[in-house]
PDB file of N, CA and C in Angstrom:
ATOM      1  N   MET A   1     133.647   0.070 -15.012  1.00  0.00           N
ATOM      2  CA  MET A   1     134.888   0.703 -15.401  1.00  0.00           C
ATOM      3  C   MET A   1     134.751   1.234 -16.824  1.00  0.00           C
ATOM      4  N   SER A   2     135.373   2.357 -17.079  1.00  0.00           N
ATOM      5  CA  SER A   2     135.319   3.004 -18.380  1.00  0.00           C
ATOM      6  C   SER A   2     136.138   2.236 -19.400  1.00  0.00           C
ATOM      7  N   SER A   3     135.805   2.433 -20.669  1.00  0.00           N
ATOM      8  CA  SER A   3     136.581   1.787 -21.723  1.00  0.00           C
ATOM      9  C   SER A   3     137.880   2.541 -21.995  1.00  0.00           C
ATOM     10  N   ILE A   4     138.028   3.724 -21.399  1.00  0.00           N
ATOM     11  CA  ILE A   4     139.254   4.503 -21.553  1.00  0.00           C
ATOM     12  C   ILE A   4     140.249   4.037 -20.489  1.00  0.00           C
ATOM     13  N   LYS A   5     141.426   3.674 -20.919  1.00  0.00           N
ATOM     14  CA  LYS A   5     142.446   3.197 -19.986  1.00  0.00           C
ATOM     15  C   LYS A   5     143.201   4.364 -19.385  1.00  0.00           C
ATOM     16  N   GLN A   6     143.609   4.203 -18.142  1.00  0.00           N
ATOM     17  CA  GLN A   6     144.469   5.194 -17.522  1.00  0.00           C
ATOM     18  C   GLN A   6     145.887   4.948 -17.991  1.00  0.00           C
ATOM     19  N   VAL A   7     146.557   6.033 -18.384  1.00  0.00           N
ATOM     20  CA  VAL A   7     147.910   5.920 -18.889  1.00  0.00           C
ATOM     21  C   VAL A   7     148.844   6.710 -17.992  1.00  0.00           C
ATOM     22  N   ALA A   8     149.866   6.061 -17.505  1.00  0.00           N
ATOM     23  CA  ALA A   8     150.921   6.698 -16.720  1.00  0.00           C
ATOM     24  C   ALA A   8     150.381   7.579 -15.605  1.00  0.00           C
ATOM     25  N   GLY A   9     149.391   7.104 -14.874  1.00  0.00           N
ATOM     26  CA  GLY A   9     148.873   7.834 -13.727  1.00  0.00           C
ATOM     27  C   GLY A   9     147.971   9.011 -14.064  1.00  0.00           C
ATOM     28  N   ARG A  10     147.646   9.203 -15.314  1.00  0.00           N
ATOM     29  CA  ARG A  10     146.762  10.303 -15.704  1.00  0.00           C
ATOM     30  C   ARG A  10     145.320   9.823 -15.702  1.00  0.00           C
ATOM     31  N   ARG A  11     144.430  10.723 -15.384  1.00  0.00           N
ATOM     32  CA  ARG A  11     143.028  10.344 -15.476  1.00  0.00           C
ATOM     33  C   ARG A  11     142.486  10.776 -16.837  1.00  0.00           C
ATOM     34  N   PRO A  12     141.481  10.103 -17.338  1.00  0.00           N
ATOM     35  CA  PRO A  12     140.933  10.440 -18.655  1.00  0.00           C
ATOM     36  C   PRO A  12     140.323  11.835 -18.661  1.00  0.00           C
ATOM     37  N   LYS A  13     140.349  12.477 -19.819  1.00  0.00           N
ATOM     38  CA  LYS A  13     139.759  13.810 -19.949  1.00  0.00           C
ATOM     39  C   LYS A  13     138.260  13.706 -19.770  1.00  0.00           C
ATOM     40  N   LYS A  14     137.675  14.761 -19.189  1.00  0.00           N
ATOM     41  CA  LYS A  14     136.236  14.798 -19.012  1.00  0.00           C
ATOM     42  C   LYS A  14     135.588  15.072 -20.366  1.00  0.00           C
ATOM     43  N   VAL A  15     134.554  14.334 -20.681  1.00  0.00           N
ATOM     44  CA  VAL A  15     133.879  14.471 -21.967  1.00  0.00           C
ATOM     45  C   VAL A  15     132.432  14.885 -21.716  1.00  0.00           C
ATOM     46  N   TYR A  16     131.970  15.845 -22.510  1.00  0.00           N
ATOM     47  CA  TYR A  16     130.604  16.350 -22.400  1.00  0.00           C
ATOM     48  C   TYR A  16     129.793  15.848 -23.586  1.00  0.00           C
ATOM     49  N   ASP A  17     128.503  16.108 -23.599  1.00  0.00           N
ATOM     50  CA  ASP A  17     127.632  15.636 -24.678  1.00  0.00           C
ATOM     51  C   ASP A  17     128.130  16.116 -26.034  1.00  0.00           C
ATOM     52  N   GLY A  18     128.064  15.245 -27.018  1.00  0.00           N
ATOM     53  CA  GLY A  18     128.449  15.611 -28.377  1.00  0.00           C
ATOM     54  C   GLY A  18     127.276  16.252 -29.094  1.00  0.00           C
ATOM     55  N   GLY A  19     127.534  16.927 -30.191  1.00  0.00           N
ATOM     56  CA  GLY A  19     126.471  17.524 -30.985  1.00  0.00           C
ATOM     57  C   GLY A  19     125.929  18.827 -30.419  1.00  0.00           C
ATOM     58  N   ARG A  20     126.657  19.447 -29.484  1.00  0.00           N
ATOM     59  CA  ARG A  20     126.184  20.716 -28.913  1.00  0.00           C
ATOM     60  C   ARG A  20     126.588  21.869 -29.823  1.00  0.00           C
ATOM     61  N   HIS A  21     125.720  22.861 -29.897  1.00  0.00           N
ATOM     62  CA  HIS A  21     126.005  24.075 -30.665  1.00  0.00           C
ATOM     63  C   HIS A  21     126.131  25.243 -29.705  1.00  0.00           C
ATOM     64  N   CYS A  22     126.860  26.273 -30.142  1.00  0.00           N
ATOM     65  CA  CYS A  22     127.051  27.482 -29.345  1.00  0.00           C
ATOM     66  C   CYS A  22     125.686  28.062 -28.967  1.00  0.00           C
ATOM     67  N   ALA A  23     125.561  28.519 -27.723  1.00  0.00           N
ATOM     68  CA  ALA A  23     124.296  29.050 -27.216  1.00  0.00           C
ATOM     69  C   ALA A  23     124.049  30.497 -27.639  1.00  0.00           C
ATOM     70  N   TYR A  24     125.031  31.128 -28.307  1.00  0.00           N
ATOM     71  CA  TYR A  24     124.852  32.511 -28.754  1.00  0.00           C
ATOM     72  C   TYR A  24     123.805  32.531 -29.861  1.00  0.00           C
ATOM     73  N   PRO A  25     122.826  33.448 -29.784  1.00  0.00           N
ATOM     74  CA  PRO A  25     121.760  33.488 -30.797  1.00  0.00           C
ATOM     75  C   PRO A  25     122.316  33.620 -32.219  1.00  0.00           C
ATOM     76  N   GLY A  26     121.934  32.697 -33.082  1.00  0.00           N
ATOM     77  CA  GLY A  26     122.341  32.728 -34.483  1.00  0.00           C
ATOM     78  C   GLY A  26     123.650  32.038 -34.790  1.00  0.00           C
ATOM     79  N   CYS A  27     124.414  31.638 -33.783  1.00  0.00           N
ATOM     80  CA  CYS A  27     125.702  30.970 -34.003  1.00  0.00           C
ATOM     81  C   CYS A  27     125.457  29.474 -34.179  1.00  0.00           C
ATOM     82  N   THR A  28     126.046  28.907 -35.216  1.00  0.00           N
ATOM     83  CA  THR A  28     125.858  27.473 -35.488  1.00  0.00           C
ATOM     84  C   THR A  28     127.132  26.666 -35.253  1.00  0.00           C
ATOM     85  N   THR A  29     128.110  27.252 -34.549  1.00  0.00           N
ATOM     86  CA  THR A  29     129.371  26.564 -34.284  1.00  0.00           C
ATOM     87  C   THR A  29     129.141  25.339 -33.410  1.00  0.00           C
ATOM     88  N   LEU A  30     129.705  24.233 -33.813  1.00  0.00           N
ATOM     89  CA  LEU A  30     129.605  22.988 -33.050  1.00  0.00           C
ATOM     90  C   LEU A  30     130.650  23.023 -31.942  1.00  0.00           C
ATOM     91  N   ILE A  31     130.236  22.765 -30.710  1.00  0.00           N
ATOM     92  CA  ILE A  31     131.129  22.800 -29.544  1.00  0.00           C
ATOM     93  C   ILE A  31     131.808  21.441 -29.391  1.00  0.00           C
ATOM     94  N   SER A  32     133.089  21.453 -29.087  1.00  0.00           N
ATOM     95  CA  SER A  32     133.856  20.228 -28.885  1.00  0.00           C
ATOM     96  C   SER A  32     133.319  19.451 -27.682  1.00  0.00           C
ATOM     97  N   ARG A  33     133.468  18.144 -27.728  1.00  0.00           N
ATOM     98  CA  ARG A  33     133.061  17.302 -26.596  1.00  0.00           C
ATOM     99  C   ARG A  33     133.904  17.587 -25.368  1.00  0.00           C
ATOM    100  N   TYR A  34     135.084  18.188 -25.543  1.00  0.00           N
ATOM    101  CA  TYR A  34     135.987  18.460 -24.443  1.00  0.00           C
ATOM    102  C   TYR A  34     135.834  19.873 -23.897  1.00  0.00           C
ATOM    103  N   ASN A  35     134.972  20.689 -24.500  1.00  0.00           N
ATOM    104  CA  ASN A  35     134.731  22.057 -24.074  1.00  0.00           C
ATOM    105  C   ASN A  35     133.543  22.065 -23.112  1.00  0.00           C
ATOM    106  N   LYS A  36     133.770  22.481 -21.862  1.00  0.00           N
ATOM    107  CA  LYS A  36     132.688  22.463 -20.883  1.00  0.00           C
ATOM    108  C   LYS A  36     131.771  23.669 -21.013  1.00  0.00           C
ATOM    109  N   ASN A  37     132.183  24.678 -21.775  1.00  0.00           N
ATOM    110  CA  ASN A  37     131.395  25.902 -21.910  1.00  0.00           C
ATOM    111  C   ASN A  37     130.228  25.706 -22.866  1.00  0.00           C
ATOM    112  N   GLU A  38     129.225  26.556 -22.738  1.00  0.00           N
ATOM    113  CA  GLU A  38     128.082  26.467 -23.637  1.00  0.00           C
ATOM    114  C   GLU A  38     128.239  27.364 -24.855  1.00  0.00           C
ATOM    115  N   TYR A  39     129.327  28.172 -24.880  1.00  0.00           N
ATOM    116  CA  TYR A  39     129.583  29.075 -25.999  1.00  0.00           C
ATOM    117  C   TYR A  39     130.879  28.682 -26.704  1.00  0.00           C
ATOM    118  N   CYS A  40     130.986  29.025 -28.002  1.00  0.00           N
ATOM    119  CA  CYS A  40     132.219  28.785 -28.749  1.00  0.00           C
ATOM    120  C   CYS A  40     133.265  29.808 -28.315  1.00  0.00           C
ATOM    121  N   TRP A  41     134.490  29.656 -28.809  1.00  0.00           N
ATOM    122  CA  TRP A  41     135.579  30.550 -28.383  1.00  0.00           C
ATOM    123  C   TRP A  41     135.285  31.999 -28.746  1.00  0.00           C
ATOM    124  N   ARG A  42     134.556  32.242 -29.825  1.00  0.00           N
ATOM    125  CA  ARG A  42     134.286  33.611 -30.251  1.00  0.00           C
ATOM    126  C   ARG A  42     133.293  34.314 -29.332  1.00  0.00           C
ATOM    127  N   HIS A  43     132.360  33.570 -28.762  1.00  0.00           N
ATOM    128  CA  HIS A  43     131.304  34.170 -27.941  1.00  0.00           C
ATOM    129  C   HIS A  43     131.488  33.963 -26.445  1.00  0.00           C
ATOM    130  N   PHE A  44     132.512  33.216 -26.060  1.00  0.00           N
ATOM    131  CA  PHE A  44     132.744  32.945 -24.645  1.00  0.00           C
ATOM    132  C   PHE A  44     133.338  34.175 -23.968  1.00  0.00           C
ATOM    133  N   GLN A  45     132.753  34.594 -22.880  1.00  0.00           N
ATOM    134  CA  GLN A  45     133.235  35.724 -22.094  1.00  0.00           C
ATOM    135  C   GLN A  45     133.629  35.200 -20.720  1.00  0.00           C
ATOM    136  N   PRO A  46     134.931  35.036 -20.460  1.00  0.00           N
ATOM    137  CA  PRO A  46     135.339  34.516 -19.149  1.00  0.00           C
ATOM    138  C   PRO A  46     134.972  35.487 -18.030  1.00  0.00           C
ATOM    139  N   ARG A  47     134.633  34.925 -16.901  1.00  0.00           N
ATOM    140  CA  ARG A  47     134.330  35.747 -15.723  1.00  0.00           C
ATOM    141  C   ARG A  47     135.627  36.250 -15.122  1.00  0.00           C
ATOM    142  N   PRO A  48     135.690  37.545 -14.832  1.00  0.00           N
ATOM    143  CA  PRO A  48     136.927  38.037 -14.217  1.00  0.00           C
ATOM    144  C   PRO A  48     137.097  37.474 -12.809  1.00  0.00           C
ATOM    145  N   GLU A  49     138.304  37.108 -12.486  1.00  0.00           N
ATOM    146  CA  GLU A  49     138.606  36.607 -11.147  1.00  0.00           C
ATOM    147  C   GLU A  49     139.383  37.690 -10.401  1.00  0.00           C
ATOM    148  N   PRO A  50     139.277  37.724  -9.096  1.00  0.00           N
ATOM    149  CA  PRO A  50     140.033  38.723  -8.338  1.00  0.00           C
ATOM    150  C   PRO A  50     141.532  38.573  -8.594  1.00  0.00           C
ATOM    151  N   ALA A  51     142.197  39.693  -8.690  1.00  0.00           N
ATOM    152  CA  ALA A  51     143.641  39.666  -8.919  1.00  0.00           C
ATOM    153  C   ALA A  51     144.342  39.094  -7.691  1.00  0.00           C
ATOM    154  N   ARG A  52     145.355  38.319  -7.934  1.00  0.00           N
ATOM    155  CA  ARG A  52     146.153  37.766  -6.837  1.00  0.00           C
ATOM    156  C   ARG A  52     147.422  38.584  -6.742  1.00  0.00           C
ATOM    157  N   VAL A  53     147.476  39.403  -5.710  1.00  0.00           N
ATOM    158  CA  VAL A  53     148.634  40.266  -5.518  1.00  0.00           C
ATOM    159  C   VAL A  53     149.615  39.535  -4.620  1.00  0.00           C
ATOM    160  N   PRO A  54     150.848  39.316  -5.124  1.00  0.00           N
ATOM    161  CA  PRO A  54     151.815  38.611  -4.281  1.00  0.00           C
ATOM    162  C   PRO A  54     152.206  39.459  -3.076  1.00  0.00           C
ATOM    163  N   VAL A  55     152.337  38.817  -1.964  1.00  0.00           N
ATOM    164  CA  VAL A  55     152.734  39.501  -0.729  1.00  0.00           C
ATOM    165  C   VAL A  55     154.254  39.538  -0.691  1.00  0.00           C
ATOM    166  N   PRO A  56     154.839  40.742  -0.546  1.00  0.00           N
ATOM    167  CA  PRO A  56     156.305  40.796  -0.508  1.00  0.00           C
ATOM    168  C   PRO A  56     156.852  40.097   0.736  1.00  0.00           C
ATOM    169  N   PRO A  57     158.029  39.509   0.616  1.00  0.00           N
ATOM    170  CA  PRO A  57     158.615  38.827   1.773  1.00  0.00           C
ATOM    171  C   PRO A  57     158.975  39.863   2.863  1.00  0.00           C
ATOM    172  N   PRO A  58     158.915  39.465   4.112  1.00  0.00           N
ATOM    173  CA  PRO A  58     159.263  40.402   5.190  1.00  0.00           C
ATOM    174  C   PRO A  58     160.725  40.823   5.106  1.00  0.00           C
ATOM    175  N   LYS A  59     160.963  42.087   5.408  1.00  0.00           N
ATOM    176  CA  LYS A  59     162.346  42.583   5.383  1.00  0.00           C
ATOM    177  C   LYS A  59     163.044  42.245   6.692  1.00  0.00           C
ATOM    178  N   ALA A  60     164.273  41.862   6.587  1.00  0.00           N
ATOM    179  CA  ALA A  60     165.035  41.445   7.757  1.00  0.00           C
ATOM    180  C   ALA A  60     165.613  42.622   8.513  1.00  0.00           C
TER     181      ALA A  60
END
């Protein structure tokens, strides 16, 4: 069992290796243990996801 206690039905945050630096060449930004990305916020490029177009309700 983890040393982190569950509080009010919540599960503990996922933690990644500490001491990681941004993977962008020349960037020395230290990445947070809670950031799953390999790049810092300045160099992170999110992948575009398909747009979700809402379907209009059927007309009566």
